[in-house]
């Protein structure tokens, strides 16, 4: 199994993840990363086989699990568990950057993040996480392109036909 660089940091759509324990270090039993989320940042609704546990350190988040019309708040100290293949998403609904620790089991999702993310190697690469991202500049094409091969499925709204 290939070794990943120490201090691995990736920009995943709007969020910056800092890998604390790589899936390559645990023989793909788990992975742990810190996720930093700008105001209004977060992924579109999706599913994947990995289980996730989110521990909120800073910020105000809104999570959705299974029922997209029933979001709930998660503040510092909150723990949110997302089961395997459960439809979920989250958004930083506060005015300041949010931060959480995320535990993945078994950690395969980290390989997807590596496929779609931009490696952050120096300070110039980092987005300003205090600002709302410019969503028109996000490269979502890569996220959709690599989703199937990593068992990630995005939940896109159905558009009514006339």
N, C-alpha and C. Protein backbone atom coordinates (compact mmCIF):
# COMPACT_ATOMS: atom_id res chain seq x y z
N UNK A 1 0.85 -1.18 0.00
CA UNK A 1 0.00 0.00 0.00
C UNK A 1 0.90 1.24 0.00
N UNK A 2 0.58 2.20 -0.87
CA UNK A 2 1.46 3.36 -0.96
C UNK A 2 1.37 4.24 0.28
N UNK A 3 2.49 4.82 0.61
CA UNK A 3 2.55 5.68 1.79
C UNK A 3 2.12 7.09 1.40
N UNK A 4 1.41 7.75 2.28
CA UNK A 4 0.96 9.12 2.03
C UNK A 4 1.88 10.09 2.77
N UNK A 5 2.03 11.29 2.24
CA UNK A 5 2.92 12.25 2.89
C UNK A 5 2.43 12.64 4.28
N UNK A 6 3.38 12.90 5.17
CA UNK A 6 3.03 13.42 6.49
C UNK A 6 2.48 14.83 6.29
N UNK A 7 1.65 15.27 7.21
CA UNK A 7 1.04 16.61 7.13
C UNK A 7 0.24 16.80 5.84
N UNK A 8 -0.41 15.73 5.40
CA UNK A 8 -1.22 15.80 4.18
C UNK A 8 -2.42 16.71 4.42
N UNK A 9 -2.58 17.70 3.54
CA UNK A 9 -3.72 18.62 3.61
C UNK A 9 -4.31 18.77 2.21
N UNK A 10 -5.65 18.73 2.15
CA UNK A 10 -6.33 18.77 0.87
C UNK A 10 -7.48 19.77 0.91
N UNK A 11 -7.70 20.45 -0.21
CA UNK A 11 -8.87 21.29 -0.39
C UNK A 11 -9.91 20.43 -1.10
N UNK A 12 -11.02 20.16 -0.40
CA UNK A 12 -12.10 19.33 -0.95
C UNK A 12 -13.31 20.25 -1.14
N UNK A 13 -13.58 20.65 -2.37
CA UNK A 13 -14.63 21.62 -2.69
C UNK A 13 -14.43 22.88 -1.86
N UNK A 14 -15.22 23.07 -0.78
CA UNK A 14 -15.08 24.31 0.01
C UNK A 14 -14.22 24.11 1.26
N UNK A 15 -13.91 22.86 1.61
CA UNK A 15 -13.32 22.55 2.91
C UNK A 15 -11.85 22.14 2.82
N UNK A 16 -11.12 22.42 3.89
CA UNK A 16 -9.73 21.99 3.99
C UNK A 16 -9.66 20.86 5.01
N UNK A 17 -9.11 19.72 4.58
CA UNK A 17 -8.91 18.63 5.53
C UNK A 17 -7.42 18.44 5.78
N UNK A 18 -7.12 18.18 7.03
CA UNK A 18 -5.74 17.89 7.46
C UNK A 18 -5.77 16.47 8.01
N UNK A 19 -5.08 15.56 7.33
CA UNK A 19 -5.10 14.15 7.72
C UNK A 19 -4.28 13.98 9.00
N UNK A 20 -4.91 13.45 10.03
CA UNK A 20 -4.24 13.20 11.31
C UNK A 20 -3.76 11.76 11.39
N UNK A 21 -4.61 10.82 10.97
CA UNK A 21 -4.24 9.40 10.89
C UNK A 21 -4.74 8.90 9.53
N UNK A 22 -3.81 8.50 8.68
CA UNK A 22 -4.17 8.06 7.34
C UNK A 22 -4.67 6.62 7.34
N UNK A 23 -5.57 6.32 6.42
CA UNK A 23 -6.02 4.94 6.22
C UNK A 23 -4.85 4.03 5.85
N UNK A 24 -3.80 4.58 5.26
CA UNK A 24 -2.64 3.76 4.90
C UNK A 24 -1.84 3.35 6.14
N UNK A 25 -1.98 4.10 7.23
CA UNK A 25 -1.29 3.76 8.48
C UNK A 25 -2.04 2.70 9.29
N UNK A 26 -3.32 2.51 9.01
CA UNK A 26 -4.16 1.62 9.82
C UNK A 26 -4.62 0.38 9.05
N UNK A 27 -3.96 0.12 7.92
CA UNK A 27 -4.37 -0.99 7.04
C UNK A 27 -5.85 -0.87 6.68
N UNK A 28 -6.27 0.35 6.44
CA UNK A 28 -7.64 0.67 6.04
C UNK A 28 -8.68 0.22 7.05
N UNK A 29 -8.36 0.37 8.34
CA UNK A 29 -9.35 0.10 9.38
C UNK A 29 -10.09 1.38 9.75
N UNK A 30 -9.38 2.52 9.70
CA UNK A 30 -10.00 3.81 9.98
C UNK A 30 -9.07 4.93 9.51
N UNK A 31 -9.58 6.12 9.48
CA UNK A 31 -8.82 7.34 9.19
C UNK A 31 -9.41 8.46 10.04
N UNK A 32 -8.56 9.42 10.39
CA UNK A 32 -9.02 10.57 11.18
C UNK A 32 -8.47 11.83 10.52
N UNK A 33 -9.33 12.83 10.37
CA UNK A 33 -8.85 14.11 9.85
C UNK A 33 -9.57 15.27 10.53
N UNK A 34 -8.92 16.42 10.46
CA UNK A 34 -9.52 17.67 10.92
C UNK A 34 -10.11 18.32 9.67
N UNK A 35 -11.34 18.78 9.78
CA UNK A 35 -12.00 19.44 8.65
C UNK A 35 -12.32 20.87 9.02
N UNK A 36 -11.84 21.80 8.20
CA UNK A 36 -12.07 23.22 8.40
C UNK A 36 -13.01 23.71 7.31
N UNK A 37 -14.11 24.33 7.74
CA UNK A 37 -15.22 24.64 6.83
C UNK A 37 -15.53 26.13 6.90
N UNK A 38 -15.50 26.83 5.75
CA UNK A 38 -15.84 28.25 5.75
C UNK A 38 -17.34 28.45 5.95
N UNK A 39 -17.77 29.67 6.28
CA UNK A 39 -19.21 29.94 6.35
C UNK A 39 -19.90 29.51 5.06
N UNK A 40 -21.01 28.83 5.20
CA UNK A 40 -21.84 28.26 4.12
C UNK A 40 -21.16 27.10 3.40
N UNK A 41 -19.97 26.68 3.84
CA UNK A 41 -19.28 25.55 3.22
C UNK A 41 -19.86 24.22 3.66
N UNK A 42 -19.58 23.20 2.87
CA UNK A 42 -20.01 21.85 3.14
C UNK A 42 -20.35 21.15 1.84
N UNK A 43 -20.48 19.82 1.87
CA UNK A 43 -20.73 19.05 0.65
C UNK A 43 -22.20 18.98 0.28
N UNK A 44 -22.50 18.63 -0.99
CA UNK A 44 -23.89 18.34 -1.34
C UNK A 44 -24.33 17.04 -0.68
N UNK A 45 -25.63 16.79 -0.56
CA UNK A 45 -26.09 15.53 0.03
C UNK A 45 -25.50 14.33 -0.73
N UNK A 46 -25.10 13.32 0.02
CA UNK A 46 -24.43 12.17 -0.59
C UNK A 46 -24.49 10.94 0.32
N UNK A 47 -24.06 9.82 -0.23
CA UNK A 47 -23.91 8.58 0.54
C UNK A 47 -22.56 7.97 0.19
N UNK A 48 -22.06 7.12 1.08
CA UNK A 48 -20.84 6.34 0.83
C UNK A 48 -20.81 5.21 1.86
N UNK A 49 -20.06 4.14 1.57
CA UNK A 49 -20.02 3.00 2.49
C UNK A 49 -19.33 3.29 3.83
N UNK A 50 -18.37 4.21 3.87
CA UNK A 50 -17.69 4.51 5.14
C UNK A 50 -18.67 5.08 6.15
N UNK A 51 -18.52 4.68 7.41
CA UNK A 51 -19.22 5.35 8.51
C UNK A 51 -18.42 6.59 8.87
N UNK A 52 -19.10 7.61 9.36
CA UNK A 52 -18.42 8.83 9.78
C UNK A 52 -18.91 9.23 11.16
N UNK A 53 -17.97 9.71 11.97
CA UNK A 53 -18.31 10.32 13.24
C UNK A 53 -17.68 11.71 13.22
N UNK A 54 -18.52 12.73 13.40
CA UNK A 54 -18.07 14.12 13.41
C UNK A 54 -18.08 14.63 14.85
N UNK A 55 -16.98 15.23 15.29
CA UNK A 55 -16.92 15.87 16.60
C UNK A 55 -16.67 17.36 16.34
N UNK A 56 -17.65 18.19 16.70
CA UNK A 56 -17.58 19.61 16.39
C UNK A 56 -16.68 20.31 17.42
N UNK A 57 -15.65 20.99 16.92
CA UNK A 57 -14.73 21.75 17.77
C UNK A 57 -15.08 23.23 17.81
N UNK A 58 -15.38 23.79 16.64
CA UNK A 58 -15.66 25.23 16.52
C UNK A 58 -16.75 25.44 15.47
N UNK A 59 -17.55 26.46 15.67
CA UNK A 59 -18.52 26.84 14.65
C UNK A 59 -19.92 26.32 14.93
N UNK A 60 -20.79 26.66 13.99
CA UNK A 60 -22.20 26.29 14.05
C UNK A 60 -22.54 25.53 12.79
N UNK A 61 -22.90 24.28 12.94
CA UNK A 61 -23.20 23.44 11.78
C UNK A 61 -24.66 23.03 11.77
N UNK A 62 -25.13 22.76 10.57
CA UNK A 62 -26.44 22.16 10.38
C UNK A 62 -26.17 20.86 9.63
N UNK A 63 -26.66 19.76 10.18
CA UNK A 63 -26.49 18.44 9.56
C UNK A 63 -27.85 17.93 9.09
N UNK A 64 -27.79 17.05 8.11
CA UNK A 64 -28.97 16.33 7.66
C UNK A 64 -28.58 14.86 7.59
N UNK A 65 -29.45 14.02 8.12
CA UNK A 65 -29.29 12.57 7.99
C UNK A 65 -30.60 12.00 7.50
N UNK A 66 -30.57 11.38 6.33
CA UNK A 66 -31.72 10.72 5.69
C UNK A 66 -32.83 11.66 5.25
N UNK A 67 -33.35 12.52 6.10
CA UNK A 67 -34.45 13.41 5.74
C UNK A 67 -33.90 14.80 5.40
N UNK A 68 -33.80 15.08 4.10
CA UNK A 68 -33.21 16.36 3.65
C UNK A 68 -34.02 17.56 4.11
N UNK A 69 -35.28 17.34 4.50
CA UNK A 69 -36.13 18.45 4.94
C UNK A 69 -36.11 18.63 6.46
N UNK A 70 -35.24 17.91 7.15
CA UNK A 70 -35.22 17.97 8.60
C UNK A 70 -33.80 18.16 9.15
N UNK A 71 -33.19 19.32 8.88
CA UNK A 71 -31.83 19.56 9.38
C UNK A 71 -31.83 19.76 10.90
N UNK A 72 -30.67 19.51 11.51
CA UNK A 72 -30.52 19.75 12.95
C UNK A 72 -29.18 20.43 13.22
N UNK A 73 -29.14 21.19 14.31
CA UNK A 73 -27.93 21.95 14.67
C UNK A 73 -26.91 21.07 15.37
N UNK A 74 -25.63 21.38 15.14
CA UNK A 74 -24.53 20.73 15.84
C UNK A 74 -23.54 21.82 16.22
N UNK A 75 -23.38 22.04 17.51
CA UNK A 75 -22.52 23.10 18.05
C UNK A 75 -21.27 22.46 18.67
N UNK A 76 -20.27 23.27 19.05
CA UNK A 76 -19.06 22.69 19.66
C UNK A 76 -19.40 21.72 20.80
N UNK A 77 -18.75 20.56 20.75
CA UNK A 77 -19.00 19.50 21.72
C UNK A 77 -19.98 18.46 21.21
N UNK A 78 -20.70 18.76 20.13
CA UNK A 78 -21.65 17.80 19.56
C UNK A 78 -20.91 16.69 18.83
N UNK A 79 -21.52 15.50 18.85
CA UNK A 79 -21.03 14.36 18.09
C UNK A 79 -22.16 13.91 17.17
N UNK A 80 -21.86 13.77 15.89
CA UNK A 80 -22.85 13.33 14.92
C UNK A 80 -22.33 12.04 14.27
N UNK A 81 -23.13 10.98 14.34
CA UNK A 81 -22.76 9.70 13.73
C UNK A 81 -23.57 9.51 12.45
N UNK A 82 -22.87 9.17 11.38
CA UNK A 82 -23.52 8.88 10.11
C UNK A 82 -23.19 7.43 9.76
N UNK A 83 -24.23 6.60 9.66
CA UNK A 83 -24.04 5.18 9.36
C UNK A 83 -23.66 4.99 7.90
N UNK A 84 -23.16 3.82 7.61
CA UNK A 84 -22.79 3.45 6.24
C UNK A 84 -23.98 3.64 5.30
N UNK A 85 -23.72 4.30 4.17
CA UNK A 85 -24.71 4.53 3.11
C UNK A 85 -25.93 5.35 3.53
N UNK A 86 -25.82 6.08 4.60
CA UNK A 86 -26.89 6.98 5.03
C UNK A 86 -26.77 8.30 4.24
N UNK A 87 -27.89 8.79 3.72
CA UNK A 87 -27.88 10.08 3.03
C UNK A 87 -27.58 11.16 4.07
N UNK A 88 -26.58 12.01 3.77
CA UNK A 88 -26.23 13.05 4.74
C UNK A 88 -25.53 14.22 4.06
N UNK A 89 -25.50 15.30 4.79
CA UNK A 89 -24.74 16.48 4.40
C UNK A 89 -24.60 17.35 5.64
N UNK A 90 -23.76 18.38 5.51
CA UNK A 90 -23.64 19.37 6.58
C UNK A 90 -23.28 20.71 5.94
N UNK A 91 -23.57 21.76 6.69
CA UNK A 91 -23.23 23.12 6.24
C UNK A 91 -22.83 23.92 7.47
N UNK A 92 -21.80 24.74 7.29
CA UNK A 92 -21.43 25.69 8.34
C UNK A 92 -22.41 26.85 8.23
N UNK A 93 -23.32 26.97 9.18
CA UNK A 93 -24.34 28.01 9.13
C UNK A 93 -23.95 29.22 9.97
N UNK A 94 -22.76 29.19 10.56
CA UNK A 94 -22.28 30.32 11.34
C UNK A 94 -21.57 31.34 10.46
N UNK A 95 -21.13 32.42 11.10
CA UNK A 95 -20.44 33.49 10.36
C UNK A 95 -18.93 33.37 10.46
N UNK A 96 -18.44 32.36 11.16
CA UNK A 96 -17.00 32.15 11.33
C UNK A 96 -16.64 30.75 10.82
N UNK A 97 -15.35 30.49 10.56
CA UNK A 97 -14.97 29.15 10.12
C UNK A 97 -15.35 28.11 11.17
N UNK A 98 -15.72 26.93 10.71
CA UNK A 98 -16.03 25.81 11.58
C UNK A 98 -14.91 24.79 11.52
N UNK A 99 -14.79 24.02 12.60
CA UNK A 99 -13.75 22.99 12.63
C UNK A 99 -14.31 21.76 13.33
N UNK A 100 -14.00 20.60 12.76
CA UNK A 100 -14.42 19.35 13.38
C UNK A 100 -13.37 18.27 13.15
N UNK A 101 -13.41 17.28 14.00
CA UNK A 101 -12.59 16.08 13.83
C UNK A 101 -13.52 15.01 13.26
N UNK A 102 -13.05 14.33 12.23
CA UNK A 102 -13.88 13.33 11.56
C UNK A 102 -13.17 11.98 11.60
N UNK A 103 -13.89 10.97 12.06
CA UNK A 103 -13.39 9.59 12.08
C UNK A 103 -14.12 8.82 10.99
N UNK A 104 -13.36 8.22 10.08
CA UNK A 104 -13.92 7.40 9.01
C UNK A 104 -13.63 5.94 9.31
N UNK A 105 -14.61 5.09 9.10
CA UNK A 105 -14.39 3.66 9.22
C UNK A 105 -14.95 2.98 7.98
N UNK A 106 -14.17 2.30 7.17
CA UNK A 106 -12.77 1.94 7.35
C UNK A 106 -11.77 2.96 6.82
N UNK A 107 -12.19 4.01 6.20
CA UNK A 107 -11.25 5.04 5.75
C UNK A 107 -11.09 5.12 4.25
N UNK A 108 -11.90 4.37 3.50
CA UNK A 108 -11.81 4.41 2.03
C UNK A 108 -12.15 5.77 1.46
N UNK A 109 -13.01 6.51 2.14
CA UNK A 109 -13.43 7.83 1.65
C UNK A 109 -12.22 8.76 1.49
N UNK A 110 -11.20 8.55 2.28
CA UNK A 110 -9.99 9.38 2.16
C UNK A 110 -9.36 9.23 0.78
N UNK A 111 -9.45 8.03 0.19
CA UNK A 111 -8.92 7.83 -1.17
C UNK A 111 -9.71 8.66 -2.18
N UNK A 112 -11.01 8.78 -1.97
CA UNK A 112 -11.83 9.64 -2.84
C UNK A 112 -11.39 11.09 -2.69
N UNK A 113 -11.18 11.52 -1.45
CA UNK A 113 -10.73 12.90 -1.24
C UNK A 113 -9.40 13.17 -1.94
N UNK A 114 -8.52 12.19 -1.93
CA UNK A 114 -7.24 12.35 -2.62
C UNK A 114 -7.44 12.47 -4.13
N UNK A 115 -8.44 11.75 -4.66
CA UNK A 115 -8.71 11.79 -6.10
C UNK A 115 -9.29 13.13 -6.54
N UNK A 116 -10.11 13.74 -5.68
CA UNK A 116 -10.81 14.97 -6.10
C UNK A 116 -10.21 16.24 -5.50
N UNK A 117 -9.37 16.10 -4.48
CA UNK A 117 -8.88 17.27 -3.76
C UNK A 117 -7.64 17.88 -4.38
N UNK A 118 -7.40 19.11 -4.00
CA UNK A 118 -6.17 19.81 -4.39
C UNK A 118 -5.24 19.77 -3.19
N UNK A 119 -4.03 19.28 -3.40
CA UNK A 119 -3.05 19.20 -2.32
C UNK A 119 -2.60 20.61 -1.94
N UNK A 120 -2.58 20.88 -0.65
CA UNK A 120 -2.17 22.19 -0.15
C UNK A 120 -0.76 22.06 0.42
N UNK A 121 0.19 22.63 -0.29
CA UNK A 121 1.59 22.47 0.10
C UNK A 121 2.19 23.73 0.71
N UNK A 122 1.69 24.89 0.34
CA UNK A 122 2.21 26.12 0.93
C UNK A 122 1.08 27.11 1.19
N UNK A 123 1.37 28.16 1.93
CA UNK A 123 0.34 29.10 2.38
C UNK A 123 -0.45 29.73 1.24
N UNK A 124 0.18 29.91 0.10
CA UNK A 124 -0.51 30.54 -1.04
C UNK A 124 -1.64 29.66 -1.58
N UNK A 125 -1.58 28.36 -1.31
CA UNK A 125 -2.61 27.43 -1.80
C UNK A 125 -3.90 27.48 -0.98
N UNK A 126 -3.81 28.01 0.24
CA UNK A 126 -4.94 27.95 1.17
C UNK A 126 -6.02 28.97 0.84
N UNK A 127 -7.28 28.54 0.86
CA UNK A 127 -8.38 29.51 0.70
C UNK A 127 -8.55 30.30 1.99
N UNK A 128 -9.20 31.44 1.91
CA UNK A 128 -9.54 32.22 3.10
C UNK A 128 -10.81 31.62 3.68
N UNK A 129 -10.66 30.86 4.75
CA UNK A 129 -11.81 30.16 5.33
C UNK A 129 -12.72 31.09 6.14
N UNK A 130 -12.37 32.37 6.24
CA UNK A 130 -13.24 33.32 6.94
C UNK A 130 -14.31 33.86 6.01
N UNK A 131 -14.11 33.67 4.71
CA UNK A 131 -15.05 34.19 3.71
C UNK A 131 -15.95 33.08 3.17
N UNK A 132 -17.15 33.47 2.79
CA UNK A 132 -18.05 32.55 2.09
C UNK A 132 -17.39 32.23 0.75
N UNK A 133 -17.28 30.94 0.39
CA UNK A 133 -16.63 30.57 -0.87
C UNK A 133 -17.39 31.10 -2.09
N UNK A 134 -16.65 31.30 -3.18
CA UNK A 134 -17.28 31.66 -4.45
C UNK A 134 -17.69 30.34 -5.10
N UNK A 135 -18.94 29.96 -4.89
CA UNK A 135 -19.42 28.66 -5.35
C UNK A 135 -19.36 28.52 -6.87
N UNK A 136 -19.38 29.65 -7.60
CA UNK A 136 -19.32 29.58 -9.06
C UNK A 136 -17.95 29.10 -9.53
N UNK A 137 -16.93 29.16 -8.67
CA UNK A 137 -15.58 28.75 -9.06
C UNK A 137 -15.22 27.34 -8.59
N UNK A 138 -16.15 26.64 -7.95
CA UNK A 138 -15.85 25.29 -7.49
C UNK A 138 -15.78 24.32 -8.66
N UNK A 139 -14.80 23.42 -8.61
CA UNK A 139 -14.69 22.40 -9.64
C UNK A 139 -15.43 21.15 -9.17
N UNK A 140 -16.74 21.13 -9.38
CA UNK A 140 -17.54 19.98 -8.95
C UNK A 140 -17.44 18.83 -9.94
N UNK A 141 -16.98 19.12 -11.14
CA UNK A 141 -16.86 18.09 -12.18
C UNK A 141 -15.99 16.93 -11.69
N UNK A 142 -14.86 17.24 -11.08
CA UNK A 142 -13.96 16.20 -10.58
C UNK A 142 -14.65 15.36 -9.49
N UNK A 143 -15.42 16.01 -8.63
CA UNK A 143 -16.12 15.31 -7.55
C UNK A 143 -17.12 14.30 -8.12
N UNK A 144 -17.85 14.69 -9.17
CA UNK A 144 -18.82 13.79 -9.79
C UNK A 144 -18.13 12.71 -10.62
N UNK A 145 -17.05 13.10 -11.31
CA UNK A 145 -16.33 12.18 -12.19
C UNK A 145 -15.78 10.97 -11.43
N UNK A 146 -15.25 11.18 -10.23
CA UNK A 146 -14.61 10.10 -9.47
C UNK A 146 -15.54 9.44 -8.45
N UNK A 147 -16.78 9.89 -8.36
CA UNK A 147 -17.69 9.40 -7.32
C UNK A 147 -17.95 7.89 -7.44
N UNK A 148 -18.34 7.43 -8.61
CA UNK A 148 -18.75 6.03 -8.77
C UNK A 148 -17.63 5.06 -8.41
N UNK A 149 -16.41 5.36 -8.84
CA UNK A 149 -15.30 4.43 -8.58
C UNK A 149 -14.96 4.35 -7.09
N UNK A 150 -15.44 5.31 -6.29
CA UNK A 150 -15.20 5.31 -4.84
C UNK A 150 -16.50 5.05 -4.06
N UNK A 151 -17.53 4.59 -4.76
CA UNK A 151 -18.82 4.27 -4.14
C UNK A 151 -19.47 5.46 -3.43
N UNK A 152 -19.26 6.64 -3.99
CA UNK A 152 -19.90 7.86 -3.48
C UNK A 152 -21.05 8.17 -4.42
N UNK A 153 -22.20 8.45 -3.84
CA UNK A 153 -23.36 8.78 -4.66
C UNK A 153 -23.92 10.11 -4.17
N UNK A 154 -24.03 11.06 -5.10
CA UNK A 154 -24.61 12.36 -4.75
C UNK A 154 -26.12 12.31 -4.95
N UNK A 155 -26.83 12.99 -4.07
CA UNK A 155 -28.29 13.04 -4.14
C UNK A 155 -28.65 14.40 -4.73
N UNK A 156 -29.05 14.37 -5.99
CA UNK A 156 -29.40 15.62 -6.65
C UNK A 156 -30.92 15.72 -6.74
N UNK A 157 -31.46 16.93 -6.55
CA UNK A 157 -32.92 17.06 -6.57
C UNK A 157 -33.49 16.70 -7.93
N UNK A 158 -34.66 16.11 -7.90
CA UNK A 158 -35.35 15.81 -9.16
C UNK A 158 -36.01 17.09 -9.65
N UNK A 159 -35.89 17.32 -10.92
CA UNK A 159 -36.49 18.51 -11.52
C UNK A 159 -37.78 18.07 -12.20
N UNK A 160 -38.85 18.72 -11.83
CA UNK A 160 -40.17 18.36 -12.37
C UNK A 160 -40.20 18.64 -13.86
N UNK A 161 -40.76 17.70 -14.59
CA UNK A 161 -40.90 17.89 -16.03
C UNK A 161 -42.29 18.44 -16.32
N UNK A 162 -42.36 19.31 -17.30
CA UNK A 162 -43.66 19.89 -17.68
C UNK A 162 -44.31 19.08 -18.74
